[in-house]
């Protein structure tokens, strides 16, 4: 649900918002909403950044992988508790605190991260089917 809101912003900032919304092919309202959402999340979780990619903007660790990748690997990793965190930190050559940060971010925004994991799983399945179809074609 959304509600109307009014803000007074500097003219130069409004010009930049308009230019960015045109470049991104989105409404200024959608852009402002996205920027506020990302800004509040990264303010709450220092060390998490949002970066662009072919599937849209996504949360990532500063100097590290996307949060969804960390959570996927954390779920599937061996061990329990901090042992699992430390093992993954070693595998990714990151401090354990960064793995914990990704877990904390996930705890706050599971829908966002789960959607990325599910999209990756769908893409991987599509690639597997294409490879299988190609192999079937080539072997007949």
N, C-alpha and C. Protein backbone atom coordinates (compact mmCIF):
# COMPACT_ATOMS: atom_id res chain seq x y z
N UNK A 1 0.84 -1.17 0.00
CA UNK A 1 0.00 0.00 0.00
C UNK A 1 0.90 1.24 0.00
N UNK A 2 0.51 2.24 -0.69
CA UNK A 2 1.27 3.48 -0.70
C UNK A 2 0.34 4.62 -0.29
N UNK A 3 0.95 5.72 0.09
CA UNK A 3 0.17 6.90 0.45
C UNK A 3 0.86 8.12 -0.10
N UNK A 4 0.10 9.13 -0.43
CA UNK A 4 0.70 10.35 -0.98
C UNK A 4 1.58 11.04 0.06
N UNK A 5 2.70 11.55 -0.41
CA UNK A 5 3.65 12.24 0.45
C UNK A 5 4.17 13.46 -0.30
N UNK A 6 4.50 14.48 0.43
CA UNK A 6 5.03 15.69 -0.20
C UNK A 6 6.34 16.07 0.46
N UNK A 7 7.35 16.37 -0.36
CA UNK A 7 8.66 16.81 0.12
C UNK A 7 9.06 18.05 -0.66
N UNK A 8 9.80 18.90 -0.03
CA UNK A 8 10.40 20.03 -0.72
C UNK A 8 11.87 19.68 -0.96
N UNK A 9 12.25 19.68 -2.24
CA UNK A 9 13.62 19.32 -2.60
C UNK A 9 14.23 20.44 -3.42
N UNK A 10 15.54 20.56 -3.33
CA UNK A 10 16.26 21.57 -4.10
C UNK A 10 16.05 21.32 -5.59
N UNK A 11 16.00 22.40 -6.35
CA UNK A 11 15.78 22.32 -7.80
C UNK A 11 16.83 21.44 -8.49
N UNK A 12 18.09 21.61 -8.10
CA UNK A 12 19.17 20.82 -8.71
C UNK A 12 18.97 19.33 -8.45
N UNK A 13 18.53 18.97 -7.26
CA UNK A 13 18.27 17.57 -6.93
C UNK A 13 17.10 17.04 -7.76
N UNK A 14 16.07 17.84 -7.90
CA UNK A 14 14.94 17.43 -8.73
C UNK A 14 15.34 17.22 -10.19
N UNK A 15 16.20 18.09 -10.68
CA UNK A 15 16.70 17.93 -12.05
C UNK A 15 17.47 16.62 -12.20
N UNK A 16 18.30 16.31 -11.21
CA UNK A 16 19.06 15.06 -11.26
C UNK A 16 18.12 13.85 -11.17
N UNK A 17 17.09 13.94 -10.33
CA UNK A 17 16.11 12.85 -10.24
C UNK A 17 15.39 12.65 -11.58
N UNK A 18 14.98 13.75 -12.20
CA UNK A 18 14.30 13.65 -13.49
C UNK A 18 15.21 13.01 -14.54
N UNK A 19 16.45 13.44 -14.58
CA UNK A 19 17.40 12.89 -15.56
C UNK A 19 17.63 11.40 -15.31
N UNK A 20 17.80 11.03 -14.06
CA UNK A 20 18.04 9.62 -13.73
C UNK A 20 16.80 8.78 -14.03
N UNK A 21 15.62 9.28 -13.74
CA UNK A 21 14.41 8.50 -14.01
C UNK A 21 14.23 8.29 -15.51
N UNK A 22 14.56 9.29 -16.32
CA UNK A 22 14.49 9.12 -17.77
C UNK A 22 15.52 8.08 -18.23
N UNK A 23 16.73 8.17 -17.71
CA UNK A 23 17.78 7.22 -18.10
C UNK A 23 17.43 5.79 -17.70
N UNK A 24 16.75 5.65 -16.58
CA UNK A 24 16.37 4.32 -16.09
C UNK A 24 15.02 3.86 -16.63
N UNK A 25 14.37 4.71 -17.40
CA UNK A 25 13.03 4.41 -17.94
C UNK A 25 12.04 4.03 -16.85
N UNK A 26 12.04 4.85 -15.81
CA UNK A 26 11.09 4.64 -14.72
C UNK A 26 10.56 5.99 -14.25
N UNK A 27 9.45 5.96 -13.58
CA UNK A 27 8.88 7.21 -13.10
C UNK A 27 9.76 7.78 -11.98
N UNK A 28 9.69 9.07 -11.81
CA UNK A 28 10.44 9.71 -10.72
C UNK A 28 9.99 9.15 -9.38
N UNK A 29 8.71 8.92 -9.23
CA UNK A 29 8.19 8.36 -7.97
C UNK A 29 8.80 6.98 -7.70
N UNK A 30 8.86 6.14 -8.73
CA UNK A 30 9.45 4.80 -8.56
C UNK A 30 10.93 4.90 -8.21
N UNK A 31 11.62 5.82 -8.87
CA UNK A 31 13.04 6.00 -8.59
C UNK A 31 13.26 6.47 -7.16
N UNK A 32 12.50 7.46 -6.72
CA UNK A 32 12.64 7.98 -5.35
C UNK A 32 12.34 6.87 -4.35
N UNK A 33 11.30 6.10 -4.60
CA UNK A 33 10.95 5.00 -3.71
C UNK A 33 12.09 3.99 -3.62
N UNK A 34 12.67 3.64 -4.77
CA UNK A 34 13.78 2.69 -4.80
C UNK A 34 15.00 3.23 -4.06
N UNK A 35 15.32 4.49 -4.33
CA UNK A 35 16.49 5.09 -3.66
C UNK A 35 16.30 5.17 -2.15
N UNK A 36 15.10 5.53 -1.72
CA UNK A 36 14.84 5.59 -0.28
C UNK A 36 14.93 4.22 0.35
N UNK A 37 14.34 3.22 -0.31
CA UNK A 37 14.38 1.86 0.22
C UNK A 37 15.82 1.37 0.36
N UNK A 38 16.59 1.51 -0.71
CA UNK A 38 17.99 1.08 -0.67
C UNK A 38 18.78 1.87 0.36
N UNK A 39 18.56 3.17 0.40
CA UNK A 39 19.29 4.01 1.35
C UNK A 39 19.02 3.64 2.79
N UNK A 40 17.77 3.39 3.12
CA UNK A 40 17.43 3.00 4.49
C UNK A 40 18.01 1.64 4.84
N UNK A 41 17.99 0.72 3.89
CA UNK A 41 18.55 -0.62 4.15
C UNK A 41 20.06 -0.55 4.35
N UNK A 42 20.75 0.19 3.49
CA UNK A 42 22.21 0.26 3.62
C UNK A 42 22.62 1.07 4.84
N UNK A 43 21.78 1.97 5.26
CA UNK A 43 22.06 2.72 6.49
C UNK A 43 21.91 1.81 7.70
N UNK A 44 20.92 0.93 7.65
CA UNK A 44 20.70 -0.01 8.75
C UNK A 44 21.76 -1.11 8.78
N UNK A 45 22.30 -1.45 7.59
CA UNK A 45 23.29 -2.52 7.48
C UNK A 45 24.54 -2.01 6.77
N UNK A 46 25.37 -1.22 7.48
CA UNK A 46 26.61 -0.75 6.85
C UNK A 46 27.46 -1.93 6.40
N UNK A 47 27.96 -1.84 5.19
CA UNK A 47 28.71 -2.95 4.60
C UNK A 47 27.92 -3.64 3.51
N UNK A 48 26.61 -3.33 3.43
CA UNK A 48 25.78 -3.81 2.33
C UNK A 48 25.61 -2.64 1.37
N UNK A 49 25.74 -2.93 0.09
CA UNK A 49 25.55 -1.92 -0.96
C UNK A 49 24.58 -2.49 -1.99
N UNK A 50 24.02 -1.61 -2.77
CA UNK A 50 23.20 -2.04 -3.90
C UNK A 50 23.96 -1.74 -5.17
N UNK A 51 23.96 -2.72 -6.08
CA UNK A 51 24.67 -2.54 -7.35
C UNK A 51 23.80 -3.03 -8.50
N UNK A 52 24.02 -2.44 -9.66
CA UNK A 52 23.22 -2.84 -10.82
C UNK A 52 23.73 -4.13 -11.43
N UNK A 53 22.88 -4.75 -12.18
CA UNK A 53 23.26 -5.96 -12.90
C UNK A 53 22.22 -6.28 -13.95
N UNK A 54 22.44 -7.34 -14.71
CA UNK A 54 21.52 -7.67 -15.80
C UNK A 54 20.10 -7.98 -15.33
N UNK A 55 19.96 -8.40 -14.09
CA UNK A 55 18.62 -8.71 -13.57
C UNK A 55 18.11 -7.63 -12.62
N UNK A 56 18.76 -6.47 -12.63
CA UNK A 56 18.32 -5.37 -11.77
C UNK A 56 19.27 -5.15 -10.62
N UNK A 57 18.91 -4.21 -9.77
CA UNK A 57 19.75 -3.87 -8.63
C UNK A 57 19.57 -4.92 -7.55
N UNK A 58 20.68 -5.23 -6.89
CA UNK A 58 20.63 -6.24 -5.85
C UNK A 58 21.61 -5.90 -4.74
N UNK A 59 21.31 -6.43 -3.56
CA UNK A 59 22.15 -6.20 -2.38
C UNK A 59 23.40 -7.05 -2.47
N UNK A 60 24.53 -6.43 -2.12
CA UNK A 60 25.80 -7.15 -2.10
C UNK A 60 26.63 -6.68 -0.93
N UNK A 61 27.66 -7.43 -0.64
CA UNK A 61 28.61 -7.04 0.40
C UNK A 61 29.69 -6.17 -0.22
N UNK A 62 30.09 -5.12 0.48
CA UNK A 62 31.16 -4.26 -0.02
C UNK A 62 32.40 -5.12 -0.27
N UNK A 63 32.91 -5.09 -1.49
CA UNK A 63 34.09 -5.86 -1.83
C UNK A 63 33.87 -7.36 -1.87
N UNK A 64 32.61 -7.78 -1.90
CA UNK A 64 32.33 -9.21 -1.89
C UNK A 64 31.17 -9.57 -2.78
N UNK A 65 30.67 -10.78 -2.60
CA UNK A 65 29.58 -11.27 -3.45
C UNK A 65 28.24 -10.65 -3.09
N UNK A 66 27.24 -10.97 -3.88
CA UNK A 66 25.87 -10.56 -3.57
C UNK A 66 25.40 -11.29 -2.32
N UNK A 67 24.50 -10.65 -1.59
CA UNK A 67 23.97 -11.25 -0.36
C UNK A 67 23.28 -12.58 -0.67
N UNK A 68 22.53 -12.63 -1.78
CA UNK A 68 21.82 -13.87 -2.09
C UNK A 68 22.79 -15.03 -2.30
N UNK A 69 23.96 -14.77 -2.87
CA UNK A 69 24.94 -15.83 -3.08
C UNK A 69 25.47 -16.34 -1.75
N UNK A 70 25.71 -15.42 -0.82
CA UNK A 70 26.20 -15.82 0.51
C UNK A 70 25.15 -16.67 1.21
N UNK A 71 23.90 -16.24 1.16
CA UNK A 71 22.83 -16.98 1.84
C UNK A 71 22.64 -18.35 1.20
N UNK A 72 22.67 -18.42 -0.11
CA UNK A 72 22.56 -19.72 -0.80
C UNK A 72 23.66 -20.66 -0.32
N UNK A 73 24.90 -20.17 -0.29
CA UNK A 73 26.02 -21.00 0.12
C UNK A 73 25.97 -21.32 1.61
N UNK A 74 25.49 -20.39 2.41
CA UNK A 74 25.38 -20.61 3.85
C UNK A 74 24.35 -21.70 4.13
N UNK A 75 23.25 -21.68 3.41
CA UNK A 75 22.21 -22.72 3.58
C UNK A 75 22.74 -24.10 3.22
N UNK A 76 23.54 -24.16 2.17
CA UNK A 76 24.00 -25.46 1.64
C UNK A 76 25.33 -25.91 2.21
N UNK A 77 25.95 -25.10 3.06
CA UNK A 77 27.27 -25.43 3.56
C UNK A 77 27.25 -26.45 4.68
N UNK A 78 28.39 -27.09 4.88
CA UNK A 78 28.51 -28.06 5.97
C UNK A 78 28.65 -27.35 7.32
N UNK A 79 28.39 -28.09 8.36
CA UNK A 79 28.55 -27.57 9.71
C UNK A 79 27.28 -26.91 10.21
N UNK A 80 27.39 -26.34 11.41
CA UNK A 80 26.25 -25.69 12.05
C UNK A 80 26.72 -24.40 12.70
N UNK A 81 25.83 -23.45 12.79
CA UNK A 81 26.11 -22.22 13.52
C UNK A 81 27.34 -21.49 13.01
N UNK A 82 28.14 -21.03 13.97
CA UNK A 82 29.33 -20.24 13.62
C UNK A 82 30.37 -21.07 12.87
N UNK A 83 30.37 -22.38 13.06
CA UNK A 83 31.29 -23.22 12.29
C UNK A 83 30.99 -23.07 10.79
N UNK A 84 29.71 -23.07 10.44
CA UNK A 84 29.31 -22.90 9.04
C UNK A 84 29.70 -21.51 8.55
N UNK A 85 29.48 -20.50 9.37
CA UNK A 85 29.83 -19.12 9.01
C UNK A 85 31.33 -19.01 8.76
N UNK A 86 32.13 -19.53 9.66
CA UNK A 86 33.58 -19.43 9.54
C UNK A 86 34.11 -20.23 8.34
N UNK A 87 33.52 -21.37 8.08
CA UNK A 87 33.94 -22.18 6.93
C UNK A 87 33.66 -21.42 5.63
N UNK A 88 32.47 -20.83 5.51
CA UNK A 88 32.13 -20.07 4.31
C UNK A 88 33.01 -18.83 4.19
N UNK A 89 33.27 -18.19 5.31
CA UNK A 89 34.16 -17.02 5.30
C UNK A 89 35.52 -17.40 4.74
N UNK A 90 36.03 -18.53 5.15
CA UNK A 90 37.31 -19.01 4.62
C UNK A 90 37.25 -19.32 3.14
N UNK A 91 36.16 -19.97 2.73
CA UNK A 91 35.98 -20.30 1.31
C UNK A 91 35.92 -19.05 0.44
N UNK A 92 35.26 -18.00 0.95
CA UNK A 92 35.09 -16.77 0.19
C UNK A 92 36.18 -15.74 0.45
N UNK A 93 37.10 -16.07 1.34
CA UNK A 93 38.17 -15.15 1.73
C UNK A 93 37.60 -13.82 2.23
N UNK A 94 36.61 -13.93 3.12
CA UNK A 94 35.97 -12.77 3.74
C UNK A 94 35.99 -12.95 5.25
N UNK A 95 35.94 -11.84 5.99
CA UNK A 95 35.81 -11.98 7.44
C UNK A 95 34.45 -12.62 7.80
N UNK A 96 34.43 -13.39 8.86
CA UNK A 96 33.18 -14.01 9.32
C UNK A 96 32.12 -12.95 9.60
N UNK A 97 32.55 -11.75 9.98
CA UNK A 97 31.59 -10.68 10.26
C UNK A 97 30.80 -10.30 9.01
N UNK A 98 31.40 -10.44 7.83
CA UNK A 98 30.69 -10.13 6.59
C UNK A 98 29.63 -11.20 6.29
N UNK A 99 29.94 -12.44 6.59
CA UNK A 99 28.97 -13.52 6.40
C UNK A 99 27.81 -13.30 7.38
N UNK A 100 28.13 -12.94 8.60
CA UNK A 100 27.09 -12.64 9.59
C UNK A 100 26.25 -11.45 9.17
N UNK A 101 26.89 -10.44 8.57
CA UNK A 101 26.15 -9.28 8.07
C UNK A 101 25.15 -9.72 7.01
N UNK A 102 25.56 -10.56 6.09
CA UNK A 102 24.64 -11.06 5.06
C UNK A 102 23.48 -11.83 5.70
N UNK A 103 23.77 -12.62 6.72
CA UNK A 103 22.72 -13.37 7.42
C UNK A 103 21.76 -12.41 8.14
N UNK A 104 22.30 -11.37 8.74
CA UNK A 104 21.46 -10.37 9.41
C UNK A 104 20.57 -9.65 8.39
N UNK A 105 21.15 -9.28 7.25
CA UNK A 105 20.38 -8.62 6.20
C UNK A 105 19.26 -9.54 5.72
N UNK A 106 19.60 -10.80 5.52
CA UNK A 106 18.59 -11.77 5.11
C UNK A 106 17.47 -11.87 6.14
N UNK A 107 17.83 -11.89 7.41
CA UNK A 107 16.82 -11.99 8.46
C UNK A 107 15.83 -10.82 8.41
N UNK A 108 16.32 -9.66 8.01
CA UNK A 108 15.47 -8.48 7.92
C UNK A 108 14.66 -8.43 6.63
N UNK A 109 15.21 -8.97 5.53
CA UNK A 109 14.58 -8.85 4.21
C UNK A 109 14.60 -10.19 3.46
N UNK A 110 14.01 -11.23 4.05
CA UNK A 110 14.10 -12.56 3.43
C UNK A 110 13.42 -12.65 2.06
N UNK A 111 12.32 -11.92 1.85
CA UNK A 111 11.62 -12.02 0.57
C UNK A 111 12.51 -11.55 -0.57
N UNK A 112 13.23 -10.45 -0.35
CA UNK A 112 14.13 -9.91 -1.38
C UNK A 112 15.21 -10.92 -1.76
N UNK A 113 15.81 -11.53 -0.77
CA UNK A 113 16.92 -12.46 -1.02
C UNK A 113 16.39 -13.79 -1.57
N UNK A 114 15.30 -14.28 -1.01
CA UNK A 114 14.72 -15.53 -1.52
C UNK A 114 14.32 -15.40 -2.99
N UNK A 115 13.81 -14.24 -3.39
CA UNK A 115 13.43 -14.03 -4.79
C UNK A 115 14.66 -14.13 -5.70
N UNK A 116 15.80 -13.61 -5.25
CA UNK A 116 17.03 -13.70 -6.05
C UNK A 116 17.50 -15.15 -6.15
N UNK A 117 17.44 -15.89 -5.05
CA UNK A 117 17.86 -17.29 -5.05
C UNK A 117 16.96 -18.10 -5.98
N UNK A 118 15.66 -17.88 -5.90
CA UNK A 118 14.73 -18.60 -6.76
C UNK A 118 14.96 -18.26 -8.23
N UNK A 119 15.23 -17.00 -8.54
CA UNK A 119 15.51 -16.61 -9.93
C UNK A 119 16.76 -17.30 -10.44
N UNK A 120 17.78 -17.40 -9.60
CA UNK A 120 19.01 -18.09 -10.00
C UNK A 120 18.74 -19.57 -10.24
N UNK A 121 17.95 -20.19 -9.39
CA UNK A 121 17.63 -21.61 -9.56
C UNK A 121 16.85 -21.84 -10.85
N UNK A 122 15.91 -20.94 -11.17
CA UNK A 122 15.15 -21.07 -12.43
C UNK A 122 16.08 -20.92 -13.63
N UNK A 123 16.98 -19.96 -13.58
CA UNK A 123 17.92 -19.75 -14.68
C UNK A 123 18.83 -20.96 -14.85
N UNK A 124 19.30 -21.52 -13.75
CA UNK A 124 20.17 -22.70 -13.82
C UNK A 124 19.42 -23.89 -14.41
N UNK A 125 18.17 -24.05 -14.02
CA UNK A 125 17.36 -25.16 -14.56
C UNK A 125 17.13 -24.97 -16.06
N UNK A 126 16.89 -23.76 -16.49
CA UNK A 126 16.70 -23.49 -17.91
C UNK A 126 17.97 -23.82 -18.70
N UNK A 127 19.11 -23.48 -18.16
CA UNK A 127 20.38 -23.79 -18.82
C UNK A 127 20.59 -25.30 -18.89
N UNK A 128 20.28 -26.02 -17.80
CA UNK A 128 20.40 -27.48 -17.80
C UNK A 128 19.52 -28.11 -18.88
N UNK A 129 18.28 -27.61 -19.00
CA UNK A 129 17.37 -28.15 -20.02
C UNK A 129 17.90 -27.88 -21.43
N UNK A 130 18.45 -26.70 -21.67
CA UNK A 130 18.99 -26.38 -22.99
C UNK A 130 20.18 -27.27 -23.33
N UNK A 131 21.03 -27.49 -22.36
CA UNK A 131 22.19 -28.38 -22.58
C UNK A 131 21.71 -29.79 -22.88
N UNK A 132 20.74 -30.26 -22.12
CA UNK A 132 20.20 -31.60 -22.33
C UNK A 132 19.57 -31.71 -23.72
N UNK A 133 18.82 -30.70 -24.12
CA UNK A 133 18.19 -30.72 -25.45
C UNK A 133 19.26 -30.70 -26.55
N UNK A 134 20.30 -29.91 -26.36
CA UNK A 134 21.38 -29.87 -27.35
C UNK A 134 22.06 -31.23 -27.43
N UNK A 135 22.33 -31.84 -26.29
CA UNK A 135 22.99 -33.15 -26.28
C UNK A 135 22.10 -34.21 -26.94
N UNK A 136 20.81 -34.13 -26.69
CA UNK A 136 19.88 -35.07 -27.34
C UNK A 136 19.91 -34.89 -28.84
N UNK A 137 19.92 -33.66 -29.30
CA UNK A 137 19.96 -33.37 -30.72
C UNK A 137 21.24 -33.90 -31.36
N UNK A 138 22.36 -33.66 -30.68
CA UNK A 138 23.65 -34.06 -31.24
C UNK A 138 23.91 -35.56 -31.19
N UNK A 139 23.24 -36.25 -30.27
CA UNK A 139 23.47 -37.69 -30.15
C UNK A 139 22.53 -38.52 -31.03
N UNK A 140 21.55 -37.87 -31.68
CA UNK A 140 20.62 -38.66 -32.50
C UNK A 140 21.03 -38.65 -33.96
